[in-house]
Amino acid sequence: MDIIKVKDSQPVPIEIKYRSSIHKRDARGLNSFMKKYSLSRGTMITRDFEGSVQLTAGTVDCVPYWKFLAQYGE
């Protein structure tokens, strides 16, 4: 787990993986955190992959770093 952002009083786990392809094993830390805190969503910042990965704890939204910075950079 790299970053924990609070949104609407809920933690939002964010993992950073600077890779072009993402596999479920890349999200093990997110999955553990999501299970521990009963969260259904997390975010992964990637090099250029955009999409989602379904885990046992919930869904991880994958966002390219440039898009993440454009949305949350300020």
PDB file of N, CA and C in Angstrom:
ATOM      1  N   MET A   1       0.846  -1.151   0.000  1.00  0.00           N
ATOM      2  CA  MET A   1       0.000   0.000   0.000  1.00  0.00           C
ATOM      3  C   MET A   1       0.900   1.224   0.000  1.00  0.00           C
ATOM      4  N   ASP A   2       0.695   2.091  -0.977  1.00  0.00           N
ATOM      5  CA  ASP A   2       1.551   3.266  -1.106  1.00  0.00           C
ATOM      6  C   ASP A   2       0.912   4.540  -0.555  1.00  0.00           C
ATOM      7  N   ILE A   3      -0.387   4.700  -0.809  1.00  0.00           N
ATOM      8  CA  ILE A   3      -1.083   5.916  -0.384  1.00  0.00           C
ATOM      9  C   ILE A   3      -2.467   5.523   0.125  1.00  0.00           C
ATOM     10  N   ILE A   4      -2.913   6.194   1.160  1.00  0.00           N
ATOM     11  CA  ILE A   4      -4.292   6.026   1.616  1.00  0.00           C
ATOM     12  C   ILE A   4      -4.934   7.412   1.608  1.00  0.00           C
ATOM     13  N   LYS A   5      -5.919   7.571   0.752  1.00  0.00           N
ATOM     14  CA  LYS A   5      -6.638   8.834   0.629  1.00  0.00           C
ATOM     15  C   LYS A   5      -7.981   8.671   1.336  1.00  0.00           C
ATOM     16  N   VAL A   6      -8.443   9.696   2.005  1.00  0.00           N
ATOM     17  CA  VAL A   6      -9.740   9.645   2.670  1.00  0.00           C
ATOM     18  C   VAL A   6     -10.748  10.402   1.817  1.00  0.00           C
ATOM     19  N   LYS A   7     -11.823   9.708   1.486  1.00  0.00           N
ATOM     20  CA  LYS A   7     -12.892  10.313   0.689  1.00  0.00           C
ATOM     21  C   LYS A   7     -14.213   9.962   1.356  1.00  0.00           C
ATOM     22  N   ASP A   8     -15.001  10.971   1.704  1.00  0.00           N
ATOM     23  CA  ASP A   8     -16.284  10.762   2.386  1.00  0.00           C
ATOM     24  C   ASP A   8     -16.115   9.911   3.644  1.00  0.00           C
ATOM     25  N   SER A   9     -15.081  10.204   4.418  1.00  0.00           N
ATOM     26  CA  SER A   9     -14.766   9.507   5.680  1.00  0.00           C
ATOM     27  C   SER A   9     -14.387   8.035   5.495  1.00  0.00           C
ATOM     28  N   GLN A  10     -14.105   7.617   4.282  1.00  0.00           N
ATOM     29  CA  GLN A  10     -13.705   6.236   4.002  1.00  0.00           C
ATOM     30  C   GLN A  10     -12.288   6.219   3.431  1.00  0.00           C
ATOM     31  N   PRO A  11     -11.473   5.252   3.852  1.00  0.00           N
ATOM     32  CA  PRO A  11     -10.139   5.157   3.266  1.00  0.00           C
ATOM     33  C   PRO A  11     -10.207   4.630   1.832  1.00  0.00           C
ATOM     34  N   VAL A  12      -9.404   5.205   0.963  1.00  0.00           N
ATOM     35  CA  VAL A  12      -9.285   4.737  -0.420  1.00  0.00           C
ATOM     36  C   VAL A  12      -7.826   4.315  -0.615  1.00  0.00           C
ATOM     37  N   PRO A  13      -7.571   3.003  -0.698  1.00  0.00           N
ATOM     38  CA  PRO A  13      -6.194   2.541  -0.870  1.00  0.00           C
ATOM     39  C   PRO A  13      -5.708   2.758  -2.299  1.00  0.00           C
ATOM     40  N   ILE A  14      -4.469   3.248  -2.417  1.00  0.00           N
ATOM     41  CA  ILE A  14      -3.878   3.501  -3.731  1.00  0.00           C
ATOM     42  C   ILE A  14      -2.516   2.821  -3.790  1.00  0.00           C
ATOM     43  N   GLU A  15      -2.324   2.018  -4.801  1.00  0.00           N
ATOM     44  CA  GLU A  15      -1.060   1.315  -5.040  1.00  0.00           C
ATOM     45  C   GLU A  15      -0.452   1.885  -6.320  1.00  0.00           C
ATOM     46  N   ILE A  16       0.857   2.046  -6.350  1.00  0.00           N
ATOM     47  CA  ILE A  16       1.538   2.548  -7.544  1.00  0.00           C
ATOM     48  C   ILE A  16       2.371   1.429  -8.149  1.00  0.00           C
ATOM     49  N   LYS A  17       2.102   1.122  -9.405  1.00  0.00           N
ATOM     50  CA  LYS A  17       2.855   0.110 -10.160  1.00  0.00           C
ATOM     51  C   LYS A  17       3.191   0.707 -11.520  1.00  0.00           C
ATOM     52  N   TYR A  18       4.433   1.108 -11.711  1.00  0.00           N
ATOM     53  CA  TYR A  18       4.827   1.731 -12.976  1.00  0.00           C
ATOM     54  C   TYR A  18       5.155   0.630 -13.976  1.00  0.00           C
ATOM     55  N   ARG A  19       4.093   0.020 -14.494  1.00  0.00           N
ATOM     56  CA  ARG A  19       4.209  -1.069 -15.470  1.00  0.00           C
ATOM     57  C   ARG A  19       3.165  -0.879 -16.552  1.00  0.00           C
ATOM     58  N   SER A  20       3.459  -1.456 -17.704  1.00  0.00           N
ATOM     59  CA  SER A  20       2.506  -1.376 -18.808  1.00  0.00           C
ATOM     60  C   SER A  20       1.415  -2.428 -18.697  1.00  0.00           C
ATOM     61  N   SER A  21       1.728  -3.573 -18.101  1.00  0.00           N
ATOM     62  CA  SER A  21       0.713  -4.608 -17.922  1.00  0.00           C
ATOM     63  C   SER A  21       0.576  -4.912 -16.438  1.00  0.00           C
ATOM     64  N   ILE A  22      -0.632  -5.151 -16.019  1.00  0.00           N
ATOM     65  CA  ILE A  22      -0.946  -5.386 -14.620  1.00  0.00           C
ATOM     66  C   ILE A  22      -1.573  -6.768 -14.490  1.00  0.00           C
ATOM     67  N   HIS A  23      -1.148  -7.480 -13.461  1.00  0.00           N
ATOM     68  CA  HIS A  23      -1.685  -8.813 -13.172  1.00  0.00           C
ATOM     69  C   HIS A  23      -2.273  -8.809 -11.765  1.00  0.00           C
ATOM     70  N   LYS A  24      -3.105  -9.781 -11.459  1.00  0.00           N
ATOM     71  CA  LYS A  24      -3.727  -9.851 -10.139  1.00  0.00           C
ATOM     72  C   LYS A  24      -2.686  -9.885  -9.025  1.00  0.00           C
ATOM     73  N   ARG A  25      -1.566 -10.542  -9.263  1.00  0.00           N
ATOM     74  CA  ARG A  25      -0.535 -10.642  -8.221  1.00  0.00           C
ATOM     75  C   ARG A  25       0.043  -9.268  -7.867  1.00  0.00           C
ATOM     76  N   ASP A  26      -0.045  -8.313  -8.785  1.00  0.00           N
ATOM     77  CA  ASP A  26       0.436  -6.959  -8.519  1.00  0.00           C
ATOM     78  C   ASP A  26      -0.424  -6.244  -7.481  1.00  0.00           C
ATOM     79  N   ALA A  27      -1.624  -6.739  -7.253  1.00  0.00           N
ATOM     80  CA  ALA A  27      -2.569  -6.084  -6.353  1.00  0.00           C
ATOM     81  C   ALA A  27      -2.738  -6.830  -5.033  1.00  0.00           C
ATOM     82  N   ARG A  28      -1.797  -7.677  -4.671  1.00  0.00           N
ATOM     83  CA  ARG A  28      -1.930  -8.441  -3.417  1.00  0.00           C
ATOM     84  C   ARG A  28      -2.056  -7.533  -2.199  1.00  0.00           C
ATOM     85  N   GLY A  29      -1.231  -6.486  -2.143  1.00  0.00           N
ATOM     86  CA  GLY A  29      -1.296  -5.561  -1.012  1.00  0.00           C
ATOM     87  C   GLY A  29      -2.632  -4.850  -0.933  1.00  0.00           C
ATOM     88  N   LEU A  30      -3.132  -4.434  -2.077  1.00  0.00           N
ATOM     89  CA  LEU A  30      -4.449  -3.792  -2.126  1.00  0.00           C
ATOM     90  C   LEU A  30      -5.534  -4.751  -1.656  1.00  0.00           C
ATOM     91  N   ASN A  31      -5.471  -5.976  -2.133  1.00  0.00           N
ATOM     92  CA  ASN A  31      -6.469  -6.974  -1.773  1.00  0.00           C
ATOM     93  C   ASN A  31      -6.484  -7.194  -0.257  1.00  0.00           C
ATOM     94  N   SER A  32      -5.315  -7.317   0.349  1.00  0.00           N
ATOM     95  CA  SER A  32      -5.227  -7.517   1.802  1.00  0.00           C
ATOM     96  C   SER A  32      -5.811  -6.336   2.561  1.00  0.00           C
ATOM     97  N   PHE A  33      -5.461  -5.130   2.143  1.00  0.00           N
ATOM     98  CA  PHE A  33      -5.966  -3.920   2.794  1.00  0.00           C
ATOM     99  C   PHE A  33      -7.476  -3.833   2.648  1.00  0.00           C
ATOM    100  N   MET A  34      -7.973  -4.104   1.457  1.00  0.00           N
ATOM    101  CA  MET A  34      -9.405  -4.034   1.198  1.00  0.00           C
ATOM    102  C   MET A  34     -10.169  -5.050   2.051  1.00  0.00           C
ATOM    103  N   LYS A  35      -9.624  -6.250   2.190  1.00  0.00           N
ATOM    104  CA  LYS A  35     -10.262  -7.262   3.039  1.00  0.00           C
ATOM    105  C   LYS A  35     -10.275  -6.813   4.491  1.00  0.00           C
ATOM    106  N   LYS A  36      -9.125  -6.343   4.975  1.00  0.00           N
ATOM    107  CA  LYS A  36      -8.986  -5.961   6.379  1.00  0.00           C
ATOM    108  C   LYS A  36      -9.970  -4.860   6.770  1.00  0.00           C
ATOM    109  N   TYR A  37     -10.187  -3.898   5.876  1.00  0.00           N
ATOM    110  CA  TYR A  37     -11.043  -2.758   6.179  1.00  0.00           C
ATOM    111  C   TYR A  37     -12.411  -2.826   5.486  1.00  0.00           C
ATOM    112  N   SER A  38     -12.751  -3.991   4.953  1.00  0.00           N
ATOM    113  CA  SER A  38     -14.059  -4.221   4.311  1.00  0.00           C
ATOM    114  C   SER A  38     -14.373  -3.180   3.238  1.00  0.00           C
ATOM    115  N   LEU A  39     -13.406  -2.958   2.361  1.00  0.00           N
ATOM    116  CA  LEU A  39     -13.580  -2.012   1.256  1.00  0.00           C
ATOM    117  C   LEU A  39     -13.850  -2.782  -0.029  1.00  0.00           C
ATOM    118  N   SER A  40     -14.672  -2.230  -0.886  1.00  0.00           N
ATOM    119  CA  SER A  40     -14.996  -2.919  -2.140  1.00  0.00           C
ATOM    120  C   SER A  40     -14.234  -2.363  -3.342  1.00  0.00           C
ATOM    121  N   ARG A  41     -13.541  -1.206  -3.158  1.00  0.00           N
ATOM    122  CA  ARG A  41     -12.812  -0.593  -4.278  1.00  0.00           C
ATOM    123  C   ARG A  41     -11.458  -0.083  -3.823  1.00  0.00           C
ATOM    124  N   GLY A  42     -10.529  -0.138  -4.760  1.00  0.00           N
ATOM    125  CA  GLY A  42      -9.209   0.428  -4.570  1.00  0.00           C
ATOM    126  C   GLY A  42      -8.735   1.007  -5.890  1.00  0.00           C
ATOM    127  N   THR A  43      -7.593   1.679  -5.872  1.00  0.00           N
ATOM    128  CA  THR A  43      -7.049   2.295  -7.083  1.00  0.00           C
ATOM    129  C   THR A  43      -5.597   1.894  -7.258  1.00  0.00           C
ATOM    130  N   MET A  44      -5.222   1.636  -8.490  1.00  0.00           N
ATOM    131  CA  MET A  44      -3.832   1.365  -8.825  1.00  0.00           C
ATOM    132  C   MET A  44      -3.397   2.352  -9.897  1.00  0.00           C
ATOM    133  N   ILE A  45      -2.320   3.063  -9.623  1.00  0.00           N
ATOM    134  CA  ILE A  45      -1.755   3.992 -10.596  1.00  0.00           C
ATOM    135  C   ILE A  45      -0.726   3.213 -11.410  1.00  0.00           C
ATOM    136  N   THR A  46      -0.865   3.248 -12.728  1.00  0.00           N
ATOM    137  CA  THR A  46      -0.011   2.450 -13.611  1.00  0.00           C
ATOM    138  C   THR A  46       0.739   3.338 -14.606  1.00  0.00           C
ATOM    139  N   ARG A  47       1.592   2.705 -15.375  1.00  0.00           N
ATOM    140  CA  ARG A  47       2.325   3.445 -16.409  1.00  0.00           C
ATOM    141  C   ARG A  47       1.384   3.904 -17.513  1.00  0.00           C
ATOM    142  N   ASP A  48       0.643   2.960 -18.098  1.00  0.00           N
ATOM    143  CA  ASP A  48      -0.287   3.336 -19.163  1.00  0.00           C
ATOM    144  C   ASP A  48      -1.493   2.410 -19.283  1.00  0.00           C
ATOM    145  N   PHE A  49      -1.648   1.473 -18.343  1.00  0.00           N
ATOM    146  CA  PHE A  49      -2.800   0.563 -18.374  1.00  0.00           C
ATOM    147  C   PHE A  49      -4.007   1.232 -17.731  1.00  0.00           C
ATOM    148  N   GLU A  50      -5.150   1.125 -18.404  1.00  0.00           N
ATOM    149  CA  GLU A  50      -6.396   1.640 -17.852  1.00  0.00           C
ATOM    150  C   GLU A  50      -7.446   0.539 -17.937  1.00  0.00           C
ATOM    151  N   GLY A  51      -8.117   0.308 -16.842  1.00  0.00           N
ATOM    152  CA  GLY A  51      -9.125  -0.741 -16.793  1.00  0.00           C
ATOM    153  C   GLY A  51      -9.388  -1.102 -15.347  1.00  0.00           C
ATOM    154  N   SER A  52      -9.884  -2.312 -15.127  1.00  0.00           N
ATOM    155  CA  SER A  52     -10.126  -2.745 -13.756  1.00  0.00           C
ATOM    156  C   SER A  52      -9.682  -4.187 -13.592  1.00  0.00           C
ATOM    157  N   VAL A  53      -9.367  -4.535 -12.356  1.00  0.00           N
ATOM    158  CA  VAL A  53      -8.966  -5.887 -11.994  1.00  0.00           C
ATOM    159  C   VAL A  53      -9.894  -6.334 -10.878  1.00  0.00           C
ATOM    160  N   GLN A  54     -10.518  -7.493 -11.066  1.00  0.00           N
ATOM    161  CA  GLN A  54     -11.423  -8.027 -10.050  1.00  0.00           C
ATOM    162  C   GLN A  54     -10.639  -8.916  -9.098  1.00  0.00           C
ATOM    163  N   LEU A  55     -10.715  -8.616  -7.800  1.00  0.00           N
ATOM    164  CA  LEU A  55     -10.037  -9.386  -6.765  1.00  0.00           C
ATOM    165  C   LEU A  55     -11.071 -10.024  -5.852  1.00  0.00           C
ATOM    166  N   THR A  56     -10.614 -10.853  -4.932  1.00  0.00           N
ATOM    167  CA  THR A  56     -11.555 -11.467  -4.001  1.00  0.00           C
ATOM    168  C   THR A  56     -12.198 -10.430  -3.080  1.00  0.00           C
ATOM    169  N   ALA A  57     -11.486  -9.372  -2.747  1.00  0.00           N
ATOM    170  CA  ALA A  57     -12.011  -8.338  -1.854  1.00  0.00           C
ATOM    171  C   ALA A  57     -12.870  -7.305  -2.578  1.00  0.00           C
ATOM    172  N   GLY A  58     -12.709  -7.177  -3.879  1.00  0.00           N
ATOM    173  CA  GLY A  58     -13.459  -6.165  -4.625  1.00  0.00           C
ATOM    174  C   GLY A  58     -12.784  -5.811  -5.933  1.00  0.00           C
ATOM    175  N   THR A  59     -12.994  -4.605  -6.390  1.00  0.00           N
ATOM    176  CA  THR A  59     -12.503  -4.153  -7.685  1.00  0.00           C
ATOM    177  C   THR A  59     -11.402  -3.110  -7.514  1.00  0.00           C
ATOM    178  N   VAL A  60     -10.354  -3.251  -8.323  1.00  0.00           N
ATOM    179  CA  VAL A  60      -9.280  -2.266  -8.348  1.00  0.00           C
ATOM    180  C   VAL A  60      -9.362  -1.533  -9.685  1.00  0.00           C
ATOM    181  N   ASP A  61      -9.534  -0.230  -9.611  1.00  0.00           N
ATOM    182  CA  ASP A  61      -9.557   0.602 -10.812  1.00  0.00           C
ATOM    183  C   ASP A  61      -8.124   0.995 -11.145  1.00  0.00           C
ATOM    184  N   CYS A  62      -7.677   0.673 -12.339  1.00  0.00           N
ATOM    185  CA  CYS A  62      -6.319   0.991 -12.783  1.00  0.00           C
ATOM    186  C   CYS A  62      -6.363   2.254 -13.638  1.00  0.00           C
ATOM    187  N   VAL A  63      -5.503   3.198 -13.280  1.00  0.00           N
ATOM    188  CA  VAL A  63      -5.496   4.503 -13.937  1.00  0.00           C
ATOM    189  C   VAL A  63      -4.061   4.851 -14.323  1.00  0.00           C
ATOM    190  N   PRO A  64      -3.806   5.258 -15.581  1.00  0.00           N
ATOM    191  CA  PRO A  64      -2.458   5.705 -15.952  1.00  0.00           C
ATOM    192  C   PRO A  64      -2.049   6.912 -15.108  1.00  0.00           C
ATOM    193  N   TYR A  65      -0.764   6.984 -14.793  1.00  0.00           N
ATOM    194  CA  TYR A  65      -0.273   8.041 -13.890  1.00  0.00           C
ATOM    195  C   TYR A  65      -0.624   9.448 -14.394  1.00  0.00           C
ATOM    196  N   TRP A  66      -0.535   9.678 -15.702  1.00  0.00           N
ATOM    197  CA  TRP A  66      -0.788  11.007 -16.240  1.00  0.00           C
ATOM    198  C   TRP A  66      -2.253  11.414 -16.038  1.00  0.00           C
ATOM    199  N   LYS A  67      -3.149  10.432 -16.135  1.00  0.00           N
ATOM    200  CA  LYS A  67      -4.568  10.715 -15.935  1.00  0.00           C
ATOM    201  C   LYS A  67      -4.846  10.969 -14.446  1.00  0.00           C
ATOM    202  N   PHE A  68      -4.206  10.194 -13.599  1.00  0.00           N
ATOM    203  CA  PHE A  68      -4.352  10.388 -12.154  1.00  0.00           C
ATOM    204  C   PHE A  68      -3.883  11.784 -11.756  1.00  0.00           C
ATOM    205  N   LEU A  69      -2.716  12.196 -12.272  1.00  0.00           N
ATOM    206  CA  LEU A  69      -2.181  13.526 -11.948  1.00  0.00           C
ATOM    207  C   LEU A  69      -3.067  14.641 -12.481  1.00  0.00           C
ATOM    208  N   ALA A  70      -3.653  14.438 -13.649  1.00  0.00           N
ATOM    209  CA  ALA A  70      -4.548  15.438 -14.217  1.00  0.00           C
ATOM    210  C   ALA A  70      -5.793  15.616 -13.348  1.00  0.00           C
ATOM    211  N   GLN A  71      -6.269  14.528 -12.740  1.00  0.00           N
ATOM    212  CA  GLN A  71      -7.469  14.590 -11.906  1.00  0.00           C
ATOM    213  C   GLN A  71      -7.169  15.086 -10.502  1.00  0.00           C
ATOM    214  N   TYR A  72      -6.052  14.622  -9.923  1.00  0.00           N
ATOM    215  CA  TYR A  72      -5.782  14.873  -8.505  1.00  0.00           C
ATOM    216  C   TYR A  72      -4.535  15.694  -8.257  1.00  0.00           C
ATOM    217  N   GLY A  73      -3.913  16.193  -9.313  1.00  0.00           N
ATOM    218  CA  GLY A  73      -2.644  16.884  -9.181  1.00  0.00           C
ATOM    219  C   GLY A  73      -2.675  18.211  -8.451  1.00  0.00           C
ATOM    220  N   GLU A  74      -3.824  18.817  -8.358  1.00  0.00           N
ATOM    221  CA  GLU A  74      -3.898  20.123  -7.701  1.00  0.00           C
ATOM    222  C   GLU A  74      -4.088  19.998  -6.222  1.00  0.00           C
TER     223      GLU A  74
END
